[in-house]
Amino acid sequence: MPLPVVGITVGDPAGIGPEIAAKAAVDPRVTAVCAPRLYGPAAAEARARFAPGQLSGAAGHAAYDAIVAAVADAQAGRIDAIATAPVNKAAFALAGLPWKGHTDLLGHLTGAPRAVMFFHAERLKVALATVHIAIADVARALTPELLASTITITAAGDHFTFFRDGVRVGEFTDSTLTRGRIVLGVLQVASGATPPFEVLFKSVEILTPAGV
């Protein structure tokens, strides 16, 4: 059975991304589980056009072009997944690009009405309701609609297990969202308050599916 092909975008060519991506592409731990394919200026001669550590619109556009090419190949079925090295938001801005990072750019390229940044580990999965905004703006940005949308998008097609002190306390999949209920915590911030904020969760309820 052939290994899945994973496109690795090298990120900003003036940063650490190309070096990390090139090393990852030949690492035995990576090649044992997938066939890596690099996107963007990874070779030394290609990176020589960009001064290390220096912001430039050219570097921002090179990072953007790599992501666009990888997404096109993924949508055409030529690769199975995409892994991304860091981009520089300031370089994106210098290139005249309106996106602040991978999440909103990938949402735009795939036509998704909304994209969610998601971190995954065996025992911990984290979805971010807000990204790339100042901490002072978080309280205003968090709304019941935003949180409900984030949970619904994140849950689609996935399975979540909740642990407390190492003990499983609940789980759900997209299909169980209609049978269970998650009561969202409420972020309470006094008028005129400045960071750091205290987060008070009034109620968090996790209902397990029948038989779990």
Protein backbone atom coordinates (compact mmCIF):
# COMPACT_ATOMS: atom_id res chain seq x y z
CA MET A 1 0.00 0.00 0.00
CA PRO A 2 1.55 3.34 -1.03
CA LEU A 3 2.31 5.89 1.64
CA PRO A 4 0.20 9.07 1.73
CA VAL A 5 1.79 12.04 -0.02
CA VAL A 6 2.11 15.02 2.31
CA GLY A 7 2.88 18.45 0.90
CA ILE A 8 5.16 20.53 3.12
CA THR A 9 5.03 24.26 2.48
CA VAL A 10 8.33 25.88 3.47
CA GLY A 11 6.85 29.07 4.91
CA ASP A 12 8.64 32.40 4.82
CA PRO A 13 11.94 31.85 2.94
CA ALA A 14 13.66 34.48 5.08
CA GLY A 15 12.86 32.50 8.23
CA ILE A 16 13.52 29.05 9.67
CA GLY A 17 10.78 27.31 7.70
CA PRO A 18 12.74 26.17 4.62
CA GLU A 19 15.51 24.61 6.71
CA ILE A 20 13.03 22.78 8.94
CA ALA A 21 10.94 21.62 5.98
CA ALA A 22 13.98 20.34 4.07
CA LYS A 23 15.23 18.38 7.11
CA ALA A 24 11.76 16.99 7.79
CA ALA A 25 11.44 15.78 4.20
CA VAL A 26 14.43 13.43 4.62
CA ASP A 27 13.95 12.47 8.25
CA PRO A 28 13.44 8.68 8.54
CA ARG A 29 10.64 9.21 11.08
CA VAL A 30 8.77 11.22 8.44
CA THR A 31 9.56 9.10 5.40
CA ALA A 32 8.48 5.97 7.30
CA VAL A 33 4.88 7.20 7.41
CA CYS A 34 4.49 9.44 4.35
CA ALA A 35 6.02 10.58 1.08
CA PRO A 36 6.94 14.28 1.62
CA ARG A 37 6.74 16.81 -1.19
CA LEU A 38 8.20 20.29 -0.67
CA TYR A 39 6.46 23.47 -1.87
CA GLY A 40 8.26 26.79 -2.07
CA PRO A 41 11.93 27.88 -2.13
CA ALA A 42 13.55 25.08 -0.12
CA ALA A 43 16.83 24.64 -2.00
CA ALA A 44 19.78 26.83 -1.02
CA GLU A 45 19.96 28.54 -4.41
CA ALA A 46 16.29 29.46 -4.27
CA ARG A 47 16.56 30.76 -0.70
CA ALA A 48 19.58 32.88 -1.62
CA ARG A 49 17.20 35.45 -3.13
CA PHE A 50 15.92 36.26 0.37
CA ALA A 51 18.02 37.87 3.12
CA PRO A 52 17.75 35.75 6.28
CA GLY A 53 15.70 37.43 8.99
CA GLN A 54 14.65 40.35 6.81
CA LEU A 55 11.04 41.22 6.17
CA SER A 56 10.04 41.62 2.56
CA GLY A 57 6.98 41.48 0.40
CA ALA A 58 8.80 39.10 -1.93
CA ALA A 59 9.28 36.59 0.91
CA GLY A 60 5.64 36.95 1.91
CA HIS A 61 4.48 36.30 -1.63
CA ALA A 62 6.78 33.29 -1.99
CA ALA A 63 5.23 31.77 1.14
CA TYR A 64 1.76 32.53 -0.23
CA ASP A 65 2.55 30.97 -3.62
CA ALA A 66 3.74 27.77 -1.93
CA ILE A 67 0.48 27.44 0.02
CA VAL A 68 -1.63 28.11 -3.07
CA ALA A 69 0.25 25.44 -5.04
CA ALA A 70 -0.08 22.87 -2.24
CA VAL A 71 -3.80 23.51 -1.82
CA ALA A 72 -4.34 23.18 -5.58
CA ASP A 73 -2.58 19.81 -5.58
CA ALA A 74 -4.57 18.65 -2.54
CA GLN A 75 -7.86 19.64 -4.16
CA ALA A 76 -6.85 17.81 -7.35
CA GLY A 77 -5.97 14.67 -5.38
CA ARG A 78 -2.27 14.82 -6.21
CA ILE A 79 -1.34 14.95 -2.50
CA ASP A 80 -3.20 13.66 0.54
CA ALA A 81 -2.45 16.30 3.16
CA ILE A 82 -0.58 19.54 3.81
CA ALA A 83 1.86 20.42 6.59
CA THR A 84 2.96 24.02 6.89
CA ALA A 85 6.09 25.78 8.10
CA PRO A 86 5.74 29.26 9.66
CA VAL A 87 4.72 32.27 7.63
CA ASN A 88 5.31 35.88 8.63
CA LYS A 89 2.18 37.99 8.97
CA ALA A 90 4.15 41.21 8.48
CA ALA A 91 5.64 39.85 5.24
CA PHE A 92 2.13 38.93 4.07
CA ALA A 93 1.08 42.53 4.71
CA LEU A 94 4.11 43.89 2.82
CA ALA A 95 3.09 41.69 -0.11
CA GLY A 96 -0.36 43.26 -0.07
CA LEU A 97 -2.03 40.03 1.03
CA PRO A 98 -5.13 40.46 3.22
CA TRP A 99 -4.79 37.22 5.18
CA LYS A 100 -3.16 37.13 8.61
CA GLY A 101 -2.01 33.54 8.50
CA HIS A 102 -2.64 29.99 7.36
CA THR A 103 -6.11 29.57 8.84
CA ASP A 104 -7.94 32.33 7.03
CA LEU A 105 -5.92 31.80 3.82
CA LEU A 106 -6.75 28.09 3.73
CA GLY A 107 -10.39 28.93 4.37
CA HIS A 108 -10.34 31.34 1.42
CA LEU A 109 -8.59 28.91 -0.93
CA THR A 110 -10.98 26.06 -0.12
CA GLY A 111 -14.13 28.18 -0.20
CA ALA A 112 -14.97 27.42 3.43
CA PRO A 113 -17.38 29.94 4.97
CA ARG A 114 -15.28 29.82 8.15
CA ALA A 115 -12.05 28.05 9.11
CA VAL A 116 -10.99 27.05 12.62
CA MET A 117 -7.43 26.69 13.93
CA PHE A 118 -7.12 23.33 15.64
CA PHE A 119 -4.37 21.66 17.68
CA HIS A 120 -4.42 17.87 17.96
CA ALA A 121 -2.67 15.45 20.30
CA GLU A 122 -3.63 11.98 21.48
CA ARG A 123 -5.03 13.21 24.78
CA LEU A 124 -5.71 16.85 24.02
CA LYS A 125 -7.56 18.61 21.21
CA VAL A 126 -7.87 22.39 21.19
CA ALA A 127 -9.92 24.55 18.83
CA LEU A 128 -9.39 28.31 18.91
CA ALA A 129 -12.45 30.53 18.82
CA THR A 130 -10.33 33.61 18.05
CA VAL A 131 -6.94 33.99 16.39
CA HIS A 132 -4.53 36.86 15.75
CA ILE A 133 -6.32 39.47 17.85
CA ALA A 134 -5.17 41.44 20.89
CA ILE A 135 -6.05 40.01 24.31
CA ALA A 136 -7.99 43.20 25.04
CA ASP A 137 -10.31 42.40 22.12
CA VAL A 138 -11.05 38.79 23.08
CA ALA A 139 -13.97 39.53 25.40
CA ARG A 140 -15.77 41.54 22.74
CA ALA A 141 -15.09 38.93 20.08
CA LEU A 142 -16.43 35.96 22.07
CA THR A 143 -20.13 35.58 21.38
CA PRO A 144 -22.47 32.59 21.80
CA GLU A 145 -22.76 32.41 18.01
CA LEU A 146 -18.99 32.34 17.53
CA LEU A 147 -18.49 29.63 20.16
CA ALA A 148 -21.35 27.51 18.81
CA SER A 149 -19.94 27.83 15.29
CA THR A 150 -16.45 26.86 16.46
CA ILE A 151 -17.71 23.76 18.26
CA THR A 152 -19.89 22.66 15.33
CA ILE A 153 -17.11 23.07 12.76
CA THR A 154 -14.54 21.38 14.97
CA ALA A 155 -16.78 18.44 15.76
CA ALA A 156 -17.74 17.68 12.18
CA GLY A 157 -16.31 14.33 11.20
CA ASP A 158 -14.24 13.95 14.35
CA HIS A 159 -14.51 12.28 17.71
CA PHE A 160 -13.73 14.02 20.99
CA THR A 161 -13.03 12.44 24.35
CA PHE A 162 -12.92 14.54 27.50
CA PHE A 163 -10.63 13.66 30.42
CA ARG A 164 -10.49 15.01 33.94
CA ASP A 165 -7.52 13.98 36.09
CA GLY A 166 -6.79 11.18 33.64
CA VAL A 167 -10.33 9.77 33.80
CA ARG A 168 -12.61 9.81 30.78
CA VAL A 169 -15.64 11.92 31.61
CA GLY A 170 -17.35 12.22 28.24
CA GLU A 171 -17.10 12.18 24.49
CA PHE A 172 -19.00 13.19 21.42
CA THR A 173 -18.90 13.06 17.65
CA ASP A 174 -20.74 15.22 15.16
CA SER A 175 -23.68 12.81 15.15
CA THR A 176 -24.04 13.00 18.93
CA LEU A 177 -24.23 16.78 19.03
CA THR A 178 -27.94 16.52 18.35
CA ARG A 179 -28.42 14.04 21.22
CA GLY A 180 -26.11 15.62 23.78
CA ARG A 181 -25.65 19.14 25.00
CA ILE A 182 -22.66 21.30 25.75
CA VAL A 183 -23.34 24.34 27.89
CA LEU A 184 -20.76 26.97 27.11
CA GLY A 185 -18.88 28.83 29.79
CA VAL A 186 -19.41 32.56 30.02
CA LEU A 187 -16.47 34.93 29.93
CA GLN A 188 -17.21 37.71 32.40
CA VAL A 189 -15.18 40.90 32.13
CA ALA A 190 -16.01 44.03 34.08
CA SER A 191 -16.55 47.17 32.04
CA GLY A 192 -13.27 48.96 31.49
CA ALA A 193 -11.20 46.06 32.81
CA THR A 194 -7.69 45.54 31.53
CA PRO A 195 -5.79 42.25 31.11
CA PRO A 196 -5.23 39.81 32.68
CA PHE A 197 -8.86 38.71 32.78
CA GLU A 198 -10.43 36.13 35.06
CA VAL A 199 -12.48 33.55 33.21
CA LEU A 200 -15.54 32.29 35.11
CA PHE A 201 -17.25 29.23 33.71
CA LYS A 202 -20.78 29.26 35.09
CA SER A 203 -21.59 25.78 33.85
CA VAL A 204 -19.93 23.21 31.69
CA GLU A 205 -21.90 20.05 31.05
CA ILE A 206 -20.72 17.06 29.06
CA LEU A 207 -23.25 14.37 28.26
CA THR A 208 -21.86 11.08 27.01
CA PRO A 209 -23.59 9.15 24.22
CA ALA A 210 -25.67 6.18 25.25
CA GLY A 211 -23.58 3.14 26.03
CA VAL A 212 -20.33 5.03 26.60
